[in-house]
Amino acid sequence: MKPTEIDIDISSKQLNIYVKPTDQFFSVANDKNYIKGTIKQRQPLKPQRALIEPIGGLEIEFFVPQTKQDYL
């Protein structure tokens, strides 16, 4: 089985998320509630890598909770 990778394109209004190798694609609003839900959704996938496209600080709301979770 190929390792799971999650690609996240962040804009001011939404997160576009693509999961490889399953070819799942979904978009969620870029706000704290949806970010928390997205983090919970991706946990069972146990991705080997997550690629996040930073856009002028918009990625911080997504990245900080991920980092805290990884180290807790």
Protein backbone atom coordinates (compact mmCIF):
# COMPACT_ATOMS: atom_id res chain seq x y z
CA MET A 1 0.00 0.00 0.00
CA LYS A 2 1.31 3.43 -0.92
CA PRO A 3 1.91 5.94 1.91
CA THR A 4 -0.83 8.50 2.47
CA GLU A 5 -0.10 12.10 1.58
CA ILE A 6 -2.38 15.07 2.18
CA ASP A 7 -2.05 18.23 0.08
CA ILE A 8 -3.71 21.37 1.44
CA ASP A 9 -4.18 24.58 -0.51
CA ILE A 10 -5.14 27.39 1.85
CA SER A 11 -7.01 30.52 0.84
CA SER A 12 -8.69 33.20 2.93
CA LYS A 13 -12.10 31.51 2.57
CA GLN A 14 -11.45 27.78 2.26
CA LEU A 15 -9.09 24.83 2.49
CA ASN A 16 -8.88 22.58 -0.56
CA ILE A 17 -7.70 19.15 0.54
CA TYR A 18 -6.52 16.31 -1.66
CA VAL A 19 -5.63 12.87 -0.25
CA LYS A 20 -3.24 10.60 -2.14
CA PRO A 21 -3.34 7.74 -3.10
CA THR A 22 -7.12 7.49 -2.52
CA ASP A 23 -7.88 10.51 -4.76
CA GLN A 24 -10.26 12.03 -2.18
CA PHE A 25 -10.86 15.74 -2.63
CA PHE A 26 -12.88 18.05 -0.44
CA SER A 27 -13.10 21.71 0.51
CA VAL A 28 -13.97 23.23 3.88
CA ALA A 29 -14.33 26.79 5.10
CA ASN A 30 -11.18 28.35 6.51
CA ASP A 31 -12.38 28.88 10.07
CA LYS A 32 -11.44 27.32 13.40
CA ASN A 33 -14.41 24.93 13.61
CA TYR A 34 -13.84 23.48 10.16
CA ILE A 35 -10.09 23.27 10.75
CA LYS A 36 -10.67 21.21 13.92
CA GLY A 37 -13.01 18.92 11.99
CA THR A 38 -10.48 18.51 9.21
CA ILE A 39 -7.75 17.55 11.68
CA LYS A 40 -10.04 14.91 13.22
CA GLN A 41 -10.96 13.59 9.77
CA ARG A 42 -7.36 13.10 8.74
CA GLN A 43 -6.19 11.34 11.93
CA PRO A 44 -7.37 7.84 10.89
CA LEU A 45 -5.53 8.23 7.59
CA LYS A 46 -2.18 8.44 9.43
CA PRO A 47 -0.54 10.41 6.63
CA GLN A 48 3.18 10.06 6.11
CA ARG A 49 3.35 13.61 4.80
CA ALA A 50 1.17 16.71 4.64
CA LEU A 51 1.98 19.43 2.13
CA ILE A 52 0.57 22.81 3.09
CA GLU A 53 0.81 25.74 0.71
CA PRO A 54 1.48 28.82 2.84
CA ILE A 55 -0.25 32.03 1.79
CA GLY A 56 0.70 35.14 3.74
CA GLY A 57 -0.01 33.75 7.21
CA LEU A 58 -3.35 32.13 6.34
CA GLU A 59 -1.84 28.73 7.08
CA ILE A 60 -1.17 29.52 10.74
CA GLU A 61 -4.70 28.64 11.95
CA PHE A 62 -4.28 25.20 10.38
CA PHE A 63 -0.61 24.57 11.09
CA VAL A 64 -0.45 25.47 14.80
CA PRO A 65 -3.14 22.98 15.94
CA GLN A 66 -1.42 20.27 13.88
CA THR A 67 1.92 20.95 15.51
CA LYS A 68 0.47 20.96 19.03
CA GLN A 69 -1.34 17.71 18.35
CA ASP A 70 1.80 16.02 17.05
CA TYR A 71 3.76 16.88 20.17
CA LEU A 72 1.09 16.17 22.83
